[in-house]
Amino acid sequence: MSKPLTRAQYIQKGRSYRRFNAFVFSLQRLGSRHKSTRQERFIDTPFGRVRTLWYGFEDPQPAPVYFDLHGGGFVLGSAGMDETMNTYVHRQVGCKVISIDYAKAPDFPYPAAVDQVYAVVGHVVANAEKYAIDPARIAIGGHSAGGNLAAVACLKAKADGQFQFACQVMDYPVLDLAADPWQKPYPKGAIPPGMAAMFNACYIDPARAKEPYASPVYAAPADLTGLPPALFILAGGDSLHDEGLQYCRMLQAAGVSTECHEYPNAGHGFTYAPSADTTAALAQMAAFLKKYLTS
C-alpha cells in the first residue's frame, strides 16, 4: 500500500493523469463504432460549454430521455466511454439518450460538474419540443463518479422544482467523499486507496466534502423524501459497496422505491467490460428504465 501524499501532490498527480487520459480518449473518438447512431452537440450553459453525445435523436417523434454520466473519479473519462451501454439502453428501452461530458477536476473542481450536469438537463427540458423529448419522462443515471452526479441531480431537482426525474440509476456510485479512502474496505477489485484519495483531492476541498451535493449520504431525511425511484448496482469487490448500500437504505427509510442488485464477485467498474455480471446488470438497468419511462 503506497504512502498517502499531500493534497497538493495528489492534485499534481491528478492533473498528469487527466492530460494522459484526455489524449487516450481523443484517439478513441476517432475509432467509435457507433458514429452513425450518435450526434455530438455542444450546449452553452452559465457554467461553460458542455460536450454531449445524443443517441436516437434521428427519430422526430417525442420520446423519453435518459441522461447518462460516465465514471472516472471526476477526473478521468469521457462521454464516449459509455457508448456501448448507451446504445444498448437506447435500443432496449426505446428511449433517447444524452451522455454528458461534464467538466473534470482538478481544473474544474466541485461543484463545476454538478452545475454543468444540472444546466444541461434544464436546457434540454426547457427545449423539449425542439429536441422531441417528453419532459415528463426523463431519467438520469451514472457509473461510479457519474452515479454520484446522478444522485445529486435528483436532490437538486427536488429542491428547486424546475423539473423532476422519473427515476435514477446508480451503478457502483461513490457517495461519501468525506470518508478517508485509506479507511474504506479494500477488497480485490476495488479502487486503490491512493487513487481514490487522488480523485477526492482533485475534486473537492475536504472542508466541503460533507455537503449533500458532494456526498449524498449526508443528506437530511427530509431532503430524501419524494426522490424518484432508484436502482443500485453494487459490486462486492468494491470499496464503495457499503456507502451505496447505506444510501439505498436511507432512501428506503424515506419512503423512496428502490431496487438493489449486488454482484458479490464483481469489482469496481465491472460494467465497462464484457462478462456475465455485466450482461445481467445492463439488463436490470434497461428493465428498470423501461418500467418508469415507457410503462
Protein backbone atom coordinates (compact mmCIF):
# COMPACT_ATOMS: atom_id res chain seq x y z
CA MET A 1 0.00 0.00 0.00
CA SER A 2 1.50 3.33 -1.06
CA LYS A 3 2.08 6.18 1.35
CA PRO A 4 -0.53 9.00 1.43
CA LEU A 5 0.52 12.23 -0.27
CA THR A 6 -0.36 15.83 0.48
CA ARG A 7 -3.42 17.27 -1.24
CA ALA A 8 -1.19 19.42 -3.46
CA GLN A 9 0.77 16.34 -4.52
CA TYR A 10 -2.43 14.45 -5.29
CA ILE A 11 -3.70 17.35 -7.40
CA GLN A 12 -0.44 17.49 -9.35
CA LYS A 13 -0.67 13.74 -9.91
CA GLY A 14 -4.32 14.02 -10.95
CA ARG A 15 -3.50 16.71 -13.48
CA SER A 16 -0.95 14.41 -15.12
CA TYR A 17 -3.44 11.53 -15.18
CA ARG A 18 -6.03 13.84 -16.69
CA ARG A 19 -3.77 15.02 -19.53
CA PHE A 20 -2.85 11.45 -20.49
CA ASN A 21 -6.43 10.23 -20.21
CA ALA A 22 -7.75 13.09 -22.37
CA PHE A 23 -5.23 12.14 -25.07
CA VAL A 24 -6.31 8.49 -24.99
CA PHE A 25 -9.99 9.38 -25.29
CA SER A 26 -9.29 11.76 -28.17
CA LEU A 27 -7.89 8.77 -30.05
CA GLN A 28 -10.84 6.59 -29.10
CA ARG A 29 -13.26 9.16 -30.55
CA LEU A 30 -11.69 8.56 -33.94
CA GLY A 31 -12.48 4.86 -33.76
CA SER A 32 -16.03 4.99 -32.40
CA ARG A 33 -18.11 2.03 -33.56
CA HIS A 34 -21.41 3.90 -33.29
CA LYS A 35 -20.77 7.13 -35.17
CA SER A 36 -23.76 6.60 -37.42
CA THR A 37 -26.14 6.35 -34.44
CA ARG A 38 -24.96 9.33 -32.40
CA GLN A 39 -24.78 13.09 -32.66
CA GLU A 40 -22.20 15.27 -30.95
CA ARG A 41 -23.68 18.52 -29.66
CA PHE A 42 -22.25 21.36 -27.59
CA ILE A 43 -24.53 23.15 -25.14
CA ASP A 44 -23.73 26.59 -23.77
CA THR A 45 -24.56 26.90 -20.08
CA PRO A 46 -23.86 29.54 -17.41
CA PHE A 47 -21.10 27.17 -16.27
CA GLY A 48 -19.33 26.75 -19.58
CA ARG A 49 -19.79 24.96 -22.89
CA VAL A 50 -20.55 21.27 -22.44
CA ARG A 51 -19.95 18.49 -24.95
CA THR A 52 -22.72 15.89 -25.14
CA LEU A 53 -23.42 12.76 -27.20
CA TRP A 54 -27.01 12.11 -28.33
CA TYR A 55 -28.45 8.72 -29.29
CA GLY A 56 -31.78 8.10 -31.01
CA PHE A 57 -32.45 11.70 -31.97
CA GLU A 58 -32.76 10.89 -35.64
CA ASP A 59 -36.36 9.94 -34.72
CA PRO A 60 -38.51 13.12 -34.85
CA GLN A 61 -41.21 11.66 -32.57
CA PRO A 62 -41.22 12.78 -28.91
CA ALA A 63 -39.78 10.12 -26.61
CA PRO A 64 -38.48 9.67 -23.06
CA VAL A 65 -34.85 10.59 -22.49
CA TYR A 66 -32.16 9.10 -20.27
CA PHE A 67 -29.22 11.30 -19.21
CA ASP A 68 -26.02 9.28 -18.77
CA LEU A 69 -23.00 10.26 -16.69
CA HIS A 70 -19.72 8.38 -17.12
CA GLY A 71 -17.28 7.35 -14.43
CA GLY A 72 -13.65 8.30 -13.82
CA GLY A 73 -13.39 9.75 -10.32
CA PHE A 74 -14.49 13.23 -11.50
CA VAL A 75 -11.02 13.49 -13.09
CA LEU A 76 -10.82 10.94 -15.90
CA GLY A 77 -13.13 9.63 -18.59
CA SER A 78 -15.30 10.86 -21.41
CA ALA A 79 -18.91 10.57 -22.54
CA GLY A 80 -17.76 8.26 -25.32
CA MET A 81 -16.66 5.55 -22.89
CA ASP A 82 -20.34 4.77 -22.19
CA GLU A 83 -21.24 4.39 -25.85
CA THR A 84 -21.81 0.63 -25.82
CA MET A 85 -24.05 0.89 -22.76
CA ASN A 86 -25.93 3.89 -24.12
CA THR A 87 -26.57 2.25 -27.46
CA TYR A 88 -27.88 -0.78 -25.59
CA VAL A 89 -30.19 1.34 -23.43
CA HIS A 90 -31.50 3.22 -26.46
CA ARG A 91 -32.35 0.01 -28.27
CA GLN A 92 -33.69 -1.98 -25.33
CA VAL A 93 -35.69 0.75 -23.60
CA GLY A 94 -36.85 2.68 -26.65
CA CYS A 95 -35.77 6.00 -25.14
CA LYS A 96 -33.38 8.63 -26.39
CA VAL A 97 -30.07 9.00 -24.55
CA ILE A 98 -27.86 12.00 -23.84
CA SER A 99 -24.39 11.38 -22.41
CA ILE A 100 -22.90 14.44 -20.72
CA ASP A 101 -19.16 15.13 -20.90
CA TYR A 102 -19.10 17.20 -17.72
CA ALA A 103 -16.10 19.34 -16.66
CA LYS A 104 -13.26 17.44 -14.99
CA ALA A 105 -11.21 18.14 -11.90
CA PRO A 106 -8.68 19.31 -10.90
CA ASP A 107 -9.04 22.17 -13.39
CA PHE A 108 -12.77 22.30 -12.68
CA PRO A 109 -13.37 21.13 -9.10
CA TYR A 110 -16.67 20.76 -7.25
CA PRO A 111 -19.29 21.99 -7.94
CA ALA A 112 -18.45 22.54 -11.64
CA ALA A 113 -19.58 19.08 -12.78
CA VAL A 114 -22.72 19.28 -10.62
CA ASP A 115 -23.65 22.65 -12.10
CA GLN A 116 -22.95 21.63 -15.69
CA VAL A 117 -24.96 18.41 -15.48
CA TYR A 118 -27.94 20.17 -13.98
CA ALA A 119 -27.74 23.02 -16.50
CA VAL A 120 -27.66 20.61 -19.46
CA VAL A 121 -30.71 18.73 -18.19
CA GLY A 122 -32.51 22.02 -17.59
CA HIS A 123 -31.69 23.21 -21.09
CA VAL A 124 -32.99 20.03 -22.72
CA VAL A 125 -36.18 20.04 -20.66
CA ALA A 126 -36.80 23.73 -21.41
CA ASN A 127 -36.45 22.94 -25.13
CA ALA A 128 -38.38 19.67 -25.06
CA GLU A 129 -40.39 20.39 -28.19
CA LYS A 130 -37.30 21.42 -30.15
CA TYR A 131 -35.45 18.24 -29.19
CA ALA A 132 -38.50 15.93 -29.42
CA ILE A 133 -38.33 14.61 -25.86
CA ASP A 134 -41.08 14.10 -23.31
CA PRO A 135 -40.25 16.37 -20.33
CA ALA A 136 -42.50 14.29 -18.07
CA ARG A 137 -40.44 11.16 -18.73
CA ILE A 138 -36.78 11.90 -18.03
CA ALA A 139 -34.33 9.73 -16.13
CA ILE A 140 -30.72 10.07 -15.06
CA GLY A 141 -28.01 7.62 -14.14
CA GLY A 142 -24.31 7.09 -14.00
CA HIS A 143 -21.37 4.90 -13.15
CA SER A 144 -19.04 5.49 -10.17
CA ALA A 145 -18.50 9.29 -10.09
CA GLY A 146 -21.35 9.54 -12.57
CA GLY A 147 -23.59 7.74 -10.08
CA ASN A 148 -22.74 10.45 -7.56
CA LEU A 149 -23.68 13.18 -10.04
CA ALA A 150 -26.94 11.40 -10.90
CA ALA A 151 -27.91 11.20 -7.22
CA VAL A 152 -27.02 14.86 -6.71
CA ALA A 153 -29.03 15.95 -9.77
CA CYS A 154 -32.08 14.27 -8.24
CA LEU A 155 -31.51 16.06 -4.93
CA LYS A 156 -31.20 19.39 -6.74
CA ALA A 157 -34.30 18.76 -8.85
CA LYS A 158 -36.36 18.03 -5.75
CA ALA A 159 -35.06 21.15 -4.03
CA ASP A 160 -35.75 23.67 -6.80
CA GLY A 161 -38.75 22.06 -8.51
CA GLN A 162 -37.89 23.10 -12.07
CA PHE A 163 -38.26 19.54 -13.32
CA GLN A 164 -38.42 16.05 -11.84
CA PHE A 165 -36.80 12.79 -12.84
CA ALA A 166 -38.93 9.69 -13.30
CA CYS A 167 -36.14 7.50 -11.89
CA GLN A 168 -32.43 7.36 -11.14
CA VAL A 169 -29.74 4.71 -11.76
CA MET A 170 -26.60 4.42 -9.64
CA ASP A 171 -24.00 1.92 -10.83
CA TYR A 172 -21.38 1.32 -8.07
CA PRO A 173 -21.65 5.02 -7.06
CA VAL A 174 -19.25 6.98 -4.89
CA LEU A 175 -21.47 8.67 -2.31
CA ASP A 176 -19.18 9.55 0.61
CA LEU A 177 -16.25 11.82 -0.25
CA ALA A 178 -15.71 12.76 3.39
CA ALA A 179 -14.63 9.25 4.42
CA ASP A 180 -10.88 8.62 4.23
CA PRO A 181 -10.22 6.24 1.30
CA TRP A 182 -7.45 4.66 3.35
CA GLN A 183 -10.05 3.65 5.94
CA LYS A 184 -12.55 2.16 3.50
CA PRO A 185 -12.60 -1.58 2.73
CA TYR A 186 -10.13 -2.67 0.08
CA PRO A 187 -11.32 -5.98 -1.39
CA LYS A 188 -9.88 -7.44 -4.56
CA GLY A 189 -11.20 -5.39 -7.47
CA ALA A 190 -11.51 -2.13 -5.52
CA ILE A 191 -10.06 1.23 -6.50
CA PRO A 192 -6.62 1.51 -4.84
CA PRO A 193 -6.94 3.90 -1.87
CA GLY A 194 -4.15 6.11 -3.21
CA MET A 195 -6.01 6.61 -6.47
CA ALA A 196 -9.31 7.25 -4.63
CA ALA A 197 -7.52 9.81 -2.46
CA MET A 198 -6.18 11.49 -5.60
CA PHE A 199 -9.67 11.68 -7.09
CA ASN A 200 -11.10 13.18 -3.90
CA ALA A 201 -8.29 15.72 -3.52
CA CYS A 202 -8.67 16.86 -7.12
CA TYR A 203 -12.45 17.14 -6.94
CA ILE A 204 -13.25 18.76 -3.63
CA ASP A 205 -11.94 20.83 -0.74
CA PRO A 206 -12.13 18.49 2.29
CA ALA A 207 -13.97 21.23 4.20
CA ARG A 208 -16.91 20.84 1.78
CA ALA A 209 -16.89 17.05 1.49
CA LYS A 210 -19.93 16.57 3.74
CA GLU A 211 -22.17 18.80 1.65
CA PRO A 212 -25.02 16.62 0.33
CA TYR A 213 -24.35 17.74 -3.25
CA ALA A 214 -20.86 16.26 -2.85
CA SER A 215 -21.68 13.30 -0.61
CA PRO A 216 -25.37 12.33 -0.74
CA VAL A 217 -25.06 10.06 2.31
CA TYR A 218 -25.02 13.28 4.40
CA ALA A 219 -28.38 14.47 3.08
CA ALA A 220 -31.09 15.09 5.68
CA PRO A 221 -34.04 12.67 5.72
CA ALA A 222 -36.39 15.47 4.65
CA ASP A 223 -34.27 16.00 1.52
CA LEU A 224 -34.72 12.37 0.52
CA THR A 225 -38.50 12.13 0.84
CA GLY A 226 -40.10 12.32 -2.58
CA LEU A 227 -36.97 11.47 -4.57
CA PRO A 228 -37.52 9.38 -7.71
CA PRO A 229 -37.31 5.57 -7.65
CA ALA A 230 -33.71 4.40 -7.53
CA LEU A 231 -31.78 1.45 -8.91
CA PHE A 232 -28.49 0.47 -7.27
CA ILE A 233 -25.94 -1.82 -8.92
CA LEU A 234 -23.29 -2.71 -6.34
CA ALA A 235 -20.09 -4.74 -6.63
CA GLY A 236 -18.79 -6.95 -3.82
CA GLY A 237 -15.18 -6.24 -4.76
CA ASP A 238 -15.53 -2.50 -4.31
CA SER A 239 -14.59 -0.05 -1.57
CA LEU A 240 -17.78 1.86 -2.48
CA HIS A 241 -20.13 -1.05 -1.82
CA ASP A 242 -21.01 -0.09 1.74
CA GLU A 243 -21.81 3.57 1.03
CA GLY A 244 -24.00 2.51 -1.88
CA LEU A 245 -25.91 0.17 0.38
CA GLN A 246 -26.11 2.87 3.06
CA TYR A 247 -27.67 5.38 0.66
CA CYS A 248 -30.08 2.74 -0.62
CA ARG A 249 -31.27 2.12 2.95
CA MET A 250 -31.55 5.86 3.56
CA LEU A 251 -33.83 6.20 0.54
CA GLN A 252 -35.89 3.21 1.66
CA ALA A 253 -36.33 4.77 5.11
CA ALA A 254 -37.53 7.96 3.40
CA GLY A 255 -40.18 6.01 1.51
CA VAL A 256 -38.42 6.00 -1.86
CA SER A 257 -38.95 2.95 -4.05
CA THR A 258 -35.60 1.23 -4.57
CA GLU A 259 -34.09 -1.80 -6.25
CA CYS A 260 -30.66 -3.04 -5.22
CA HIS A 261 -28.77 -5.71 -7.14
CA GLU A 262 -25.47 -6.91 -5.74
CA TYR A 263 -22.71 -8.72 -7.61
CA PRO A 264 -20.50 -10.33 -4.94
CA ASN A 265 -17.72 -11.40 -7.30
CA ALA A 266 -17.55 -8.22 -9.38
CA GLY A 267 -15.05 -5.42 -8.97
CA HIS A 268 -15.44 -1.68 -9.29
CA GLY A 269 -16.19 -0.60 -12.85
CA PHE A 270 -17.24 -4.10 -13.91
CA THR A 271 -19.99 -2.95 -16.29
CA TYR A 272 -17.37 -1.45 -18.58
CA ALA A 273 -16.08 -4.92 -19.54
CA PRO A 274 -17.96 -7.88 -21.04
CA SER A 275 -18.96 -10.55 -18.51
CA ALA A 276 -21.99 -12.50 -17.35
CA ASP A 277 -22.40 -9.98 -14.50
CA THR A 278 -22.27 -7.09 -16.95
CA THR A 279 -24.93 -8.67 -19.15
CA ALA A 280 -27.19 -9.17 -16.13
CA ALA A 281 -26.59 -5.66 -14.75
CA LEU A 282 -27.28 -3.95 -18.07
CA ALA A 283 -30.47 -5.96 -18.45
CA GLN A 284 -31.56 -4.82 -14.98
CA MET A 285 -30.82 -1.19 -15.86
CA ALA A 286 -32.82 -1.47 -19.08
CA ALA A 287 -35.77 -3.16 -17.36
CA PHE A 288 -35.79 -0.52 -14.61
CA LEU A 289 -35.70 2.36 -17.09
CA LYS A 290 -38.37 0.76 -19.23
CA LYS A 291 -40.61 0.39 -16.18
CA TYR A 292 -40.50 4.09 -15.33
CA LEU A 293 -40.03 5.66 -18.76
CA THR A 294 -42.23 3.66 -21.09
CA SER A 295 -44.86 1.84 -19.00
